[in-house]
Amino acid sequence: MKNKTKEKLRNGGFAIGHFVLEFATPGIGHILANAGCDYVIFDMEHSSLTQESIRLAILSARAAGITPVVRVPNKDYHLISRPLDAGAQGIMVPWVETKEQVERIIESVKYPPQGKRGAAFSIAHDDYSSPDMLETIKQANEENLVIIQTETAKAVDNVDELLSVEGVDVAWVGQCDLSISLGIPGQYDHPDFQDAFNKVLEACKKHEVAMGYIPLNLDEAVEVMGKGVRCISYSADIFLFGQVMKENISSINKLISGQFPE
C-alpha cells in the first residue's frame, strides 16, 4: 500500500494530519479523509488506547485512504512492531535523545537487511492477502514512515547526530515537553525555545528530513509552515472538540440571556 504522506514529504511537499487520543471510532478514518487529511496519528503515549482499539482505528484509516500512524508509548521493539503488524504505515517515537536509540528504532521498523523486524505475512498489514514476500519486505522498508520526537534539551543538542541515521523521515518537535525540559514550561515565544526550534529546523534542512509540529490554531499553523515545517498535525481531537463546544455553547448562552431573559 502506497504511503501518500511519505510520498508528499519525499517530494518536498506538505503533509497535513490530525492527532487522535479519544475518538478512535470506526468512522474516524473517513471523517478525517473527508476533511482533507493526509494522515492520522493515533496516540498510545498519552491516551488509554489499547492494541485492540488501535487495530480497529488503523483499519478505519486504511479503508479511507489516509496514512495511519501510531505514536507508541516507548522505544521497545514490541511496542513498535505490533502496530506495524496491525497495518500502521508509520511510527512516531517519543523521547528520542541519542543516535543509538534512533538506530534501534530503525532496526525495529525495517525488515532485514536494513533492520531486524520479525516477519509475519498475510496478516493485517497485507490486508490478509498472500503477497510476494520479497516485494512486501521491499515495499514496507521503503514506505513505512519513521517519526522521531525531539522534545528534550538533550535531543536538541544531539539533533545533528539523530538525523544522520538513515531512515528517519520526520523530526517532530514536541513543544510542551521541550519547553519543560528547557525550564520554560509553555513559553513558546521564549528565545530559548525559539533557538531550539530553529536548531531542529536547520538540522532537518541539512539532512533532508521533514520537520513535524502540532499547531493548536490556524494562525500558528500558517506561522510554522512559513518557517519551513512541512509535516503538520492540525491540533488533536480533544482540543478541537473542547474548543468548539466551549465557544459555541458560550455564544448560545449569550443569545439566551439577550433574547430570552428569564
C-alpha atoms as a PDB file:
ATOM      1  CA  MET A   1       0.000   0.000   0.000  1.00  0.00           C
ATOM      2  CA  LYS A   2       1.457   3.317  -1.105  1.00  0.00           C
ATOM      3  CA  ASN A   3       2.209   5.760   1.701  1.00  0.00           C
ATOM      4  CA  LYS A   4       0.785   9.045   0.402  1.00  0.00           C
ATOM      5  CA  THR A   5       2.162  11.022   3.336  1.00  0.00           C
ATOM      6  CA  LYS A   6       5.720   9.784   2.884  1.00  0.00           C
ATOM      7  CA  GLU A   7       5.484  10.418  -0.848  1.00  0.00           C
ATOM      8  CA  LYS A   8       4.430  14.040  -0.294  1.00  0.00           C
ATOM      9  CA  LEU A   9       7.241  14.659   2.172  1.00  0.00           C
ATOM     10  CA  ARG A  10       9.784  12.880  -0.015  1.00  0.00           C
ATOM     11  CA  ASN A  11       8.856  15.218  -2.874  1.00  0.00           C
ATOM     12  CA  GLY A  12       9.270  18.325  -0.710  1.00  0.00           C
ATOM     13  CA  GLY A  13       5.562  18.907  -0.158  1.00  0.00           C
ATOM     14  CA  PHE A  14       3.384  19.456   2.890  1.00  0.00           C
ATOM     15  CA  ALA A  15       1.503  16.718   4.738  1.00  0.00           C
ATOM     16  CA  ILE A  16      -1.436  17.652   6.950  1.00  0.00           C
ATOM     17  CA  GLY A  17      -2.860  15.340   9.580  1.00  0.00           C
ATOM     18  CA  HIS A  18      -4.561  15.129  12.953  1.00  0.00           C
ATOM     19  CA  PHE A  19      -3.920  13.619  16.394  1.00  0.00           C
ATOM     20  CA  VAL A  20      -6.486  11.225  17.845  1.00  0.00           C
ATOM     21  CA  LEU A  21      -6.460  10.497  21.584  1.00  0.00           C
ATOM     22  CA  GLU A  22     -10.132   9.838  22.328  1.00  0.00           C
ATOM     23  CA  PHE A  23     -12.239   9.426  19.200  1.00  0.00           C
ATOM     24  CA  ALA A  24     -10.706   6.336  17.624  1.00  0.00           C
ATOM     25  CA  THR A  25     -14.102   5.288  16.296  1.00  0.00           C
ATOM     26  CA  PRO A  26     -14.747   3.095  13.232  1.00  0.00           C
ATOM     27  CA  GLY A  27     -15.700   6.218  11.300  1.00  0.00           C
ATOM     28  CA  ILE A  28     -12.721   8.382  12.195  1.00  0.00           C
ATOM     29  CA  GLY A  29     -10.737   7.480   9.086  1.00  0.00           C
ATOM     30  CA  HIS A  30     -13.459   8.623   6.693  1.00  0.00           C
ATOM     31  CA  ILE A  31     -14.228  11.709   8.787  1.00  0.00           C
ATOM     32  CA  LEU A  32     -10.607  12.844   8.562  1.00  0.00           C
ATOM     33  CA  ALA A  33     -10.258  11.833   4.913  1.00  0.00           C
ATOM     34  CA  ASN A  34     -13.327  13.907   4.047  1.00  0.00           C
ATOM     35  CA  ALA A  35     -11.749  16.826   5.922  1.00  0.00           C
ATOM     36  CA  GLY A  36      -8.708  16.572   3.652  1.00  0.00           C
ATOM     37  CA  CYS A  37      -6.182  14.933   5.997  1.00  0.00           C
ATOM     38  CA  ASP A  38      -3.245  13.034   4.566  1.00  0.00           C
ATOM     39  CA  TYR A  39      -2.630  11.099   7.762  1.00  0.00           C
ATOM     40  CA  VAL A  40      -3.813  10.483  11.303  1.00  0.00           C
ATOM     41  CA  ILE A  41      -1.698   9.857  14.405  1.00  0.00           C
ATOM     42  CA  PHE A  42      -3.294   7.527  16.933  1.00  0.00           C
ATOM     43  CA  ASP A  43      -1.702   8.342  20.266  1.00  0.00           C
ATOM     44  CA  MET A  44      -0.796   5.498  22.621  1.00  0.00           C
ATOM     45  CA  GLU A  45       1.535   7.619  24.770  1.00  0.00           C
ATOM     46  CA  HIS A  46      -0.957   9.988  26.392  1.00  0.00           C
ATOM     47  CA  SER A  47      -4.239   8.127  25.929  1.00  0.00           C
ATOM     48  CA  SER A  48      -5.951   4.926  27.032  1.00  0.00           C
ATOM     49  CA  LEU A  49      -5.995   3.467  23.521  1.00  0.00           C
ATOM     50  CA  THR A  50      -5.146  -0.226  23.517  1.00  0.00           C
ATOM     51  CA  GLN A  51      -3.714  -2.507  20.864  1.00  0.00           C
ATOM     52  CA  GLU A  52      -7.247  -3.685  20.102  1.00  0.00           C
ATOM     53  CA  SER A  53      -8.683  -0.180  19.677  1.00  0.00           C
ATOM     54  CA  ILE A  54      -5.625   0.844  17.671  1.00  0.00           C
ATOM     55  CA  ARG A  55      -6.116  -2.148  15.353  1.00  0.00           C
ATOM     56  CA  LEU A  56      -9.665  -1.075  14.521  1.00  0.00           C
ATOM     57  CA  ALA A  57      -8.670   2.573  14.129  1.00  0.00           C
ATOM     58  CA  ILE A  58      -5.858   1.627  11.742  1.00  0.00           C
ATOM     59  CA  LEU A  59      -8.299  -0.355   9.605  1.00  0.00           C
ATOM     60  CA  SER A  60     -10.570   2.693   9.505  1.00  0.00           C
ATOM     61  CA  ALA A  61      -7.755   4.909   8.226  1.00  0.00           C
ATOM     62  CA  ARG A  62      -6.583   2.376   5.653  1.00  0.00           C
ATOM     63  CA  ALA A  63     -10.128   1.948   4.347  1.00  0.00           C
ATOM     64  CA  ALA A  64     -10.436   5.721   3.956  1.00  0.00           C
ATOM     65  CA  GLY A  65      -7.125   6.004   2.101  1.00  0.00           C
ATOM     66  CA  ILE A  66      -5.211   8.079   4.648  1.00  0.00           C
ATOM     67  CA  THR A  67      -1.959   7.109   6.341  1.00  0.00           C
ATOM     68  CA  PRO A  68      -2.353   5.517   9.798  1.00  0.00           C
ATOM     69  CA  VAL A  69       0.491   6.474  12.132  1.00  0.00           C
ATOM     70  CA  VAL A  70       0.789   5.296  15.739  1.00  0.00           C
ATOM     71  CA  ARG A  71       2.622   7.186  18.444  1.00  0.00           C
ATOM     72  CA  VAL A  72       3.966   4.406  20.612  1.00  0.00           C
ATOM     73  CA  PRO A  73       4.486   4.933  24.361  1.00  0.00           C
ATOM     74  CA  ASN A  74       8.156   3.961  24.338  1.00  0.00           C
ATOM     75  CA  LYS A  75      11.026   2.710  22.211  1.00  0.00           C
ATOM     76  CA  ASP A  76      10.679  -1.025  22.955  1.00  0.00           C
ATOM     77  CA  TYR A  77      10.640  -3.350  19.944  1.00  0.00           C
ATOM     78  CA  HIS A  78       7.231  -4.938  20.614  1.00  0.00           C
ATOM     79  CA  LEU A  79       5.589  -1.528  21.035  1.00  0.00           C
ATOM     80  CA  ILE A  80       6.798  -0.614  17.541  1.00  0.00           C
ATOM     81  CA  SER A  81       6.304  -3.913  15.737  1.00  0.00           C
ATOM     82  CA  ARG A  82       2.739  -4.666  16.870  1.00  0.00           C
ATOM     83  CA  PRO A  83       1.119  -1.514  15.385  1.00  0.00           C
ATOM     84  CA  LEU A  84       3.042  -2.129  12.147  1.00  0.00           C
ATOM     85  CA  ASP A  85       1.758  -5.700  12.016  1.00  0.00           C
ATOM     86  CA  ALA A  86      -1.743  -4.307  12.573  1.00  0.00           C
ATOM     87  CA  GLY A  87      -1.360  -2.194   9.451  1.00  0.00           C
ATOM     88  CA  ALA A  88       0.117   1.112  10.613  1.00  0.00           C
ATOM     89  CA  GLN A  89       2.140   2.814   7.887  1.00  0.00           C
ATOM     90  CA  GLY A  90       4.091   4.990  10.257  1.00  0.00           C
ATOM     91  CA  ILE A  91       5.503   5.058  13.757  1.00  0.00           C
ATOM     92  CA  MET A  92       6.092   8.088  15.963  1.00  0.00           C
ATOM     93  CA  VAL A  93       8.511   7.517  18.846  1.00  0.00           C
ATOM     94  CA  PRO A  94       8.691   9.920  21.803  1.00  0.00           C
ATOM     95  CA  TRP A  95      11.682  10.970  23.886  1.00  0.00           C
ATOM     96  CA  VAL A  96      14.424  10.172  21.390  1.00  0.00           C
ATOM     97  CA  GLU A  97      17.742  11.584  22.571  1.00  0.00           C
ATOM     98  CA  THR A  98      20.655   9.531  21.208  1.00  0.00           C
ATOM     99  CA  LYS A  99      21.914   8.181  17.911  1.00  0.00           C
ATOM    100  CA  GLU A 100      21.881   4.661  19.369  1.00  0.00           C
ATOM    101  CA  GLN A 101      18.183   4.973  20.167  1.00  0.00           C
ATOM    102  CA  VAL A 102      17.451   6.053  16.595  1.00  0.00           C
ATOM    103  CA  GLU A 103      19.381   3.091  15.234  1.00  0.00           C
ATOM    104  CA  ARG A 104      17.349   0.700  17.386  1.00  0.00           C
ATOM    105  CA  ILE A 105      14.116   2.328  16.219  1.00  0.00           C
ATOM    106  CA  ILE A 106      15.096   1.885  12.564  1.00  0.00           C
ATOM    107  CA  GLU A 107      16.022  -1.747  13.265  1.00  0.00           C
ATOM    108  CA  SER A 108      12.569  -2.300  14.804  1.00  0.00           C
ATOM    109  CA  VAL A 109      10.732  -0.758  11.840  1.00  0.00           C
ATOM    110  CA  LYS A 110      12.732  -2.282   8.977  1.00  0.00           C
ATOM    111  CA  TYR A 111      12.932  -5.884   7.839  1.00  0.00           C
ATOM    112  CA  PRO A 112      16.391  -7.377   7.146  1.00  0.00           C
ATOM    113  CA  PRO A 113      18.808  -6.465   5.753  1.00  0.00           C
ATOM    114  CA  GLN A 114      18.098  -2.848   6.821  1.00  0.00           C
ATOM    115  CA  GLY A 115      16.693  -3.873  10.198  1.00  0.00           C
ATOM    116  CA  LYS A 116      15.632  -6.694  12.484  1.00  0.00           C
ATOM    117  CA  ARG A 117      11.838  -6.600  12.319  1.00  0.00           C
ATOM    118  CA  GLY A 118      10.264 -10.005  12.758  1.00  0.00           C
ATOM    119  CA  ALA A 119       8.430 -11.380   9.730  1.00  0.00           C
ATOM    120  CA  ALA A 120       4.750 -12.283   9.555  1.00  0.00           C
ATOM    121  CA  PHE A 121       2.831 -12.111   6.284  1.00  0.00           C
ATOM    122  CA  SER A 122      -0.764 -12.478   5.073  1.00  0.00           C
ATOM    123  CA  ILE A 123      -1.870 -10.571   8.188  1.00  0.00           C
ATOM    124  CA  ALA A 124      -3.418  -7.120   8.643  1.00  0.00           C
ATOM    125  CA  HIS A 125      -0.579  -5.133   7.055  1.00  0.00           C
ATOM    126  CA  ASP A 126      -1.097  -7.233   3.897  1.00  0.00           C
ATOM    127  CA  ASP A 127      -4.884  -6.812   4.028  1.00  0.00           C
ATOM    128  CA  TYR A 128      -4.939 -10.580   4.713  1.00  0.00           C
ATOM    129  CA  SER A 129      -3.795 -11.351   1.180  1.00  0.00           C
ATOM    130  CA  SER A 130      -0.960 -13.663   0.123  1.00  0.00           C
ATOM    131  CA  PRO A 131       1.721 -11.278  -1.114  1.00  0.00           C
ATOM    132  CA  ASP A 132       5.082 -11.913  -2.671  1.00  0.00           C
ATOM    133  CA  MET A 133       7.405 -11.961   0.334  1.00  0.00           C
ATOM    134  CA  LEU A 134      10.356 -10.189  -1.260  1.00  0.00           C
ATOM    135  CA  GLU A 135       8.157  -7.438  -2.693  1.00  0.00           C
ATOM    136  CA  THR A 136       6.357  -6.976   0.621  1.00  0.00           C
ATOM    137  CA  ILE A 137       9.644  -6.605   2.501  1.00  0.00           C
ATOM    138  CA  LYS A 138      10.937  -4.121  -0.061  1.00  0.00           C
ATOM    139  CA  GLN A 139       7.757  -2.062  -0.030  1.00  0.00           C
ATOM    140  CA  ALA A 140       7.487  -1.985   3.768  1.00  0.00           C
ATOM    141  CA  ASN A 141      11.090  -0.861   4.139  1.00  0.00           C
ATOM    142  CA  GLU A 142      10.513   1.893   1.601  1.00  0.00           C
ATOM    143  CA  GLU A 143       7.038   3.044   2.596  1.00  0.00           C
ATOM    144  CA  ASN A 144       6.812   2.913   6.397  1.00  0.00           C
ATOM    145  CA  LEU A 145       7.185   6.385   7.887  1.00  0.00           C
ATOM    146  CA  VAL A 146       9.560   6.938  10.815  1.00  0.00           C
ATOM    147  CA  ILE A 147       8.944   9.964  13.035  1.00  0.00           C
ATOM    148  CA  ILE A 148      11.233  10.678  15.973  1.00  0.00           C
ATOM    149  CA  GLN A 149      10.305  13.254  18.578  1.00  0.00           C
ATOM    150  CA  THR A 150      12.939  15.824  19.503  1.00  0.00           C
ATOM    151  CA  GLU A 151      11.365  17.055  22.704  1.00  0.00           C
ATOM    152  CA  THR A 152      14.141  17.490  25.243  1.00  0.00           C
ATOM    153  CA  ALA A 153      17.136  19.777  25.574  1.00  0.00           C
ATOM    154  CA  LYS A 154      19.387  16.728  25.124  1.00  0.00           C
ATOM    155  CA  ALA A 155      17.598  15.784  21.897  1.00  0.00           C
ATOM    156  CA  VAL A 156      18.117  19.294  20.532  1.00  0.00           C
ATOM    157  CA  ASP A 157      21.805  19.204  21.468  1.00  0.00           C
ATOM    158  CA  ASN A 158      22.163  15.870  19.638  1.00  0.00           C
ATOM    159  CA  VAL A 159      19.802  16.584  16.759  1.00  0.00           C
ATOM    160  CA  ASP A 160      22.502  16.525  14.087  1.00  0.00           C
ATOM    161  CA  GLU A 161      23.537  13.016  15.175  1.00  0.00           C
ATOM    162  CA  LEU A 162      19.929  11.848  15.438  1.00  0.00           C
ATOM    163  CA  LEU A 163      19.121  12.864  11.882  1.00  0.00           C
ATOM    164  CA  SER A 164      22.330  11.431  10.467  1.00  0.00           C
ATOM    165  CA  VAL A 165      20.840   7.941  10.834  1.00  0.00           C
ATOM    166  CA  GLU A 166      19.430   6.733   7.531  1.00  0.00           C
ATOM    167  CA  GLY A 167      15.713   6.015   7.655  1.00  0.00           C
ATOM    168  CA  VAL A 168      14.407   8.949   9.679  1.00  0.00           C
ATOM    169  CA  ASP A 169      11.655  10.743   7.763  1.00  0.00           C
ATOM    170  CA  VAL A 170      10.404  13.337  10.256  1.00  0.00           C
ATOM    171  CA  ALA A 171      11.860  15.076  13.320  1.00  0.00           C
ATOM    172  CA  TRP A 172       8.910  16.231  15.399  1.00  0.00           C
ATOM    173  CA  VAL A 173       9.238  18.999  17.957  1.00  0.00           C
ATOM    174  CA  GLY A 174       7.036  18.205  20.948  1.00  0.00           C
ATOM    175  CA  GLN A 175       6.674  21.755  22.169  1.00  0.00           C
ATOM    176  CA  CYS A 176       5.196  21.073  25.590  1.00  0.00           C
ATOM    177  CA  ASP A 177       7.850  18.590  26.719  1.00  0.00           C
ATOM    178  CA  LEU A 178      10.605  20.629  25.104  1.00  0.00           C
ATOM    179  CA  SER A 179       9.591  23.820  26.877  1.00  0.00           C
ATOM    180  CA  ILE A 180       9.500  21.949  30.214  1.00  0.00           C
ATOM    181  CA  SER A 181      12.901  20.412  29.531  1.00  0.00           C
ATOM    182  CA  LEU A 182      14.279  23.887  28.818  1.00  0.00           C
ATOM    183  CA  GLY A 183      12.891  25.166  32.126  1.00  0.00           C
ATOM    184  CA  ILE A 184      10.329  27.460  30.484  1.00  0.00           C
ATOM    185  CA  PRO A 185       7.024  25.494  30.575  1.00  0.00           C
ATOM    186  CA  GLY A 186       4.580  26.687  27.938  1.00  0.00           C
ATOM    187  CA  GLN A 187       6.684  29.703  26.955  1.00  0.00           C
ATOM    188  CA  TYR A 188       6.841  29.016  23.231  1.00  0.00           C
ATOM    189  CA  ASP A 189       7.819  32.590  22.401  1.00  0.00           C
ATOM    190  CA  HIS A 190      10.798  32.451  24.762  1.00  0.00           C
ATOM    191  CA  PRO A 191      14.168  32.947  22.999  1.00  0.00           C
ATOM    192  CA  ASP A 192      15.457  29.604  24.344  1.00  0.00           C
ATOM    193  CA  PHE A 193      12.513  27.726  22.859  1.00  0.00           C
ATOM    194  CA  GLN A 194      12.809  29.567  19.554  1.00  0.00           C
ATOM    195  CA  ASP A 195      16.548  28.807  19.416  1.00  0.00           C
ATOM    196  CA  ALA A 196      15.839  25.105  19.996  1.00  0.00           C
ATOM    197  CA  PHE A 197      13.070  25.116  17.384  1.00  0.00           C
ATOM    198  CA  ASN A 198      15.366  26.741  14.826  1.00  0.00           C
ATOM    199  CA  LYS A 199      18.215  24.334  15.589  1.00  0.00           C
ATOM    200  CA  VAL A 200      15.962  21.352  14.828  1.00  0.00           C
ATOM    201  CA  LEU A 201      14.666  23.074  11.694  1.00  0.00           C
ATOM    202  CA  GLU A 202      18.184  23.726  10.379  1.00  0.00           C
ATOM    203  CA  ALA A 203      19.217  20.128  11.070  1.00  0.00           C
ATOM    204  CA  CYS A 204      16.152  18.917   9.163  1.00  0.00           C
ATOM    205  CA  LYS A 205      17.114  21.015   6.159  1.00  0.00           C
ATOM    206  CA  LYS A 206      20.708  19.771   6.322  1.00  0.00           C
ATOM    207  CA  HIS A 207      19.722  16.099   6.410  1.00  0.00           C
ATOM    208  CA  GLU A 208      16.681  16.440   4.104  1.00  0.00           C
ATOM    209  CA  VAL A 209      14.309  15.338   6.836  1.00  0.00           C
ATOM    210  CA  ALA A 210      10.867  16.920   7.244  1.00  0.00           C
ATOM    211  CA  MET A 211      10.132  18.785  10.464  1.00  0.00           C
ATOM    212  CA  GLY A 212       6.883  18.000  12.274  1.00  0.00           C
ATOM    213  CA  TYR A 213       4.793  20.093  14.668  1.00  0.00           C
ATOM    214  CA  ILE A 214       1.299  20.295  16.142  1.00  0.00           C
ATOM    215  CA  PRO A 215      -0.017  23.871  15.905  1.00  0.00           C
ATOM    216  CA  LEU A 216      -3.048  24.414  18.113  1.00  0.00           C
ATOM    217  CA  ASN A 217      -4.723  27.005  15.890  1.00  0.00           C
ATOM    218  CA  LEU A 218      -4.748  28.194  12.293  1.00  0.00           C
ATOM    219  CA  ASP A 219      -2.519  31.221  12.880  1.00  0.00           C
ATOM    220  CA  GLU A 220       0.203  29.070  14.414  1.00  0.00           C
ATOM    221  CA  ALA A 221      -0.094  26.585  11.550  1.00  0.00           C
ATOM    222  CA  VAL A 222       0.500  29.338   8.986  1.00  0.00           C
ATOM    223  CA  GLU A 223       3.411  30.690  11.042  1.00  0.00           C
ATOM    224  CA  VAL A 224       5.365  27.444  11.401  1.00  0.00           C
ATOM    225  CA  MET A 225       4.698  26.361   7.828  1.00  0.00           C
ATOM    226  CA  GLY A 226       6.126  29.687   6.716  1.00  0.00           C
ATOM    227  CA  LYS A 227       9.291  28.858   8.659  1.00  0.00           C
ATOM    228  CA  GLY A 228       9.692  25.520   6.868  1.00  0.00           C
ATOM    229  CA  VAL A 229       7.708  22.962   8.877  1.00  0.00           C
ATOM    230  CA  ARG A 230       6.268  20.515   6.329  1.00  0.00           C
ATOM    231  CA  CYS A 231       4.540  17.875   8.459  1.00  0.00           C
ATOM    232  CA  ILE A 232       1.643  19.419  10.359  1.00  0.00           C
ATOM    233  CA  SER A 233      -0.879  17.823  12.667  1.00  0.00           C
ATOM    234  CA  TYR A 234      -3.712  20.297  12.876  1.00  0.00           C
ATOM    235  CA  SER A 235      -4.420  20.036  16.582  1.00  0.00           C
ATOM    236  CA  ALA A 236      -5.926  16.973  18.307  1.00  0.00           C
ATOM    237  CA  ASP A 237      -9.442  15.636  18.676  1.00  0.00           C
ATOM    238  CA  ILE A 238      -9.868  16.579  22.347  1.00  0.00           C
ATOM    239  CA  PHE A 239      -8.534  20.110  21.826  1.00  0.00           C
ATOM    240  CA  LEU A 240     -10.709  20.908  18.814  1.00  0.00           C
ATOM    241  CA  PHE A 241     -13.842  19.331  20.250  1.00  0.00           C
ATOM    242  CA  GLY A 242     -13.456  21.106  23.576  1.00  0.00           C
ATOM    243  CA  GLN A 243     -12.640  24.453  21.975  1.00  0.00           C
ATOM    244  CA  VAL A 244     -15.528  24.451  19.512  1.00  0.00           C
ATOM    245  CA  MET A 245     -18.045  23.247  22.091  1.00  0.00           C
ATOM    246  CA  LYS A 246     -16.947  25.875  24.601  1.00  0.00           C
ATOM    247  CA  GLU A 247     -17.084  28.721  22.066  1.00  0.00           C
ATOM    248  CA  ASN A 248     -20.433  27.750  20.588  1.00  0.00           C
ATOM    249  CA  ILE A 249     -22.190  26.987  23.858  1.00  0.00           C
ATOM    250  CA  SER A 250     -20.922  30.308  25.201  1.00  0.00           C
ATOM    251  CA  SER A 251     -22.452  32.016  22.147  1.00  0.00           C
ATOM    252  CA  ILE A 252     -25.747  30.184  22.681  1.00  0.00           C
ATOM    253  CA  ASN A 253     -25.851  31.220  26.338  1.00  0.00           C
ATOM    254  CA  LYS A 254     -25.240  34.850  25.359  1.00  0.00           C
ATOM    255  CA  LEU A 255     -28.087  34.584  22.861  1.00  0.00           C
ATOM    256  CA  ILE A 256     -30.353  33.129  25.524  1.00  0.00           C
ATOM    257  CA  SER A 257     -29.538  35.842  28.015  1.00  0.00           C
ATOM    258  CA  GLY A 258     -30.046  38.550  25.407  1.00  0.00           C
ATOM    259  CA  GLN A 259     -33.161  37.364  23.612  1.00  0.00           C
ATOM    260  CA  PHE A 260     -34.786  35.008  26.056  1.00  0.00           C
ATOM    261  CA  PRO A 261     -34.274  36.522  29.522  1.00  0.00           C
ATOM    262  CA  GLU A 262     -35.729  34.516  32.351  1.00  0.00           C
END
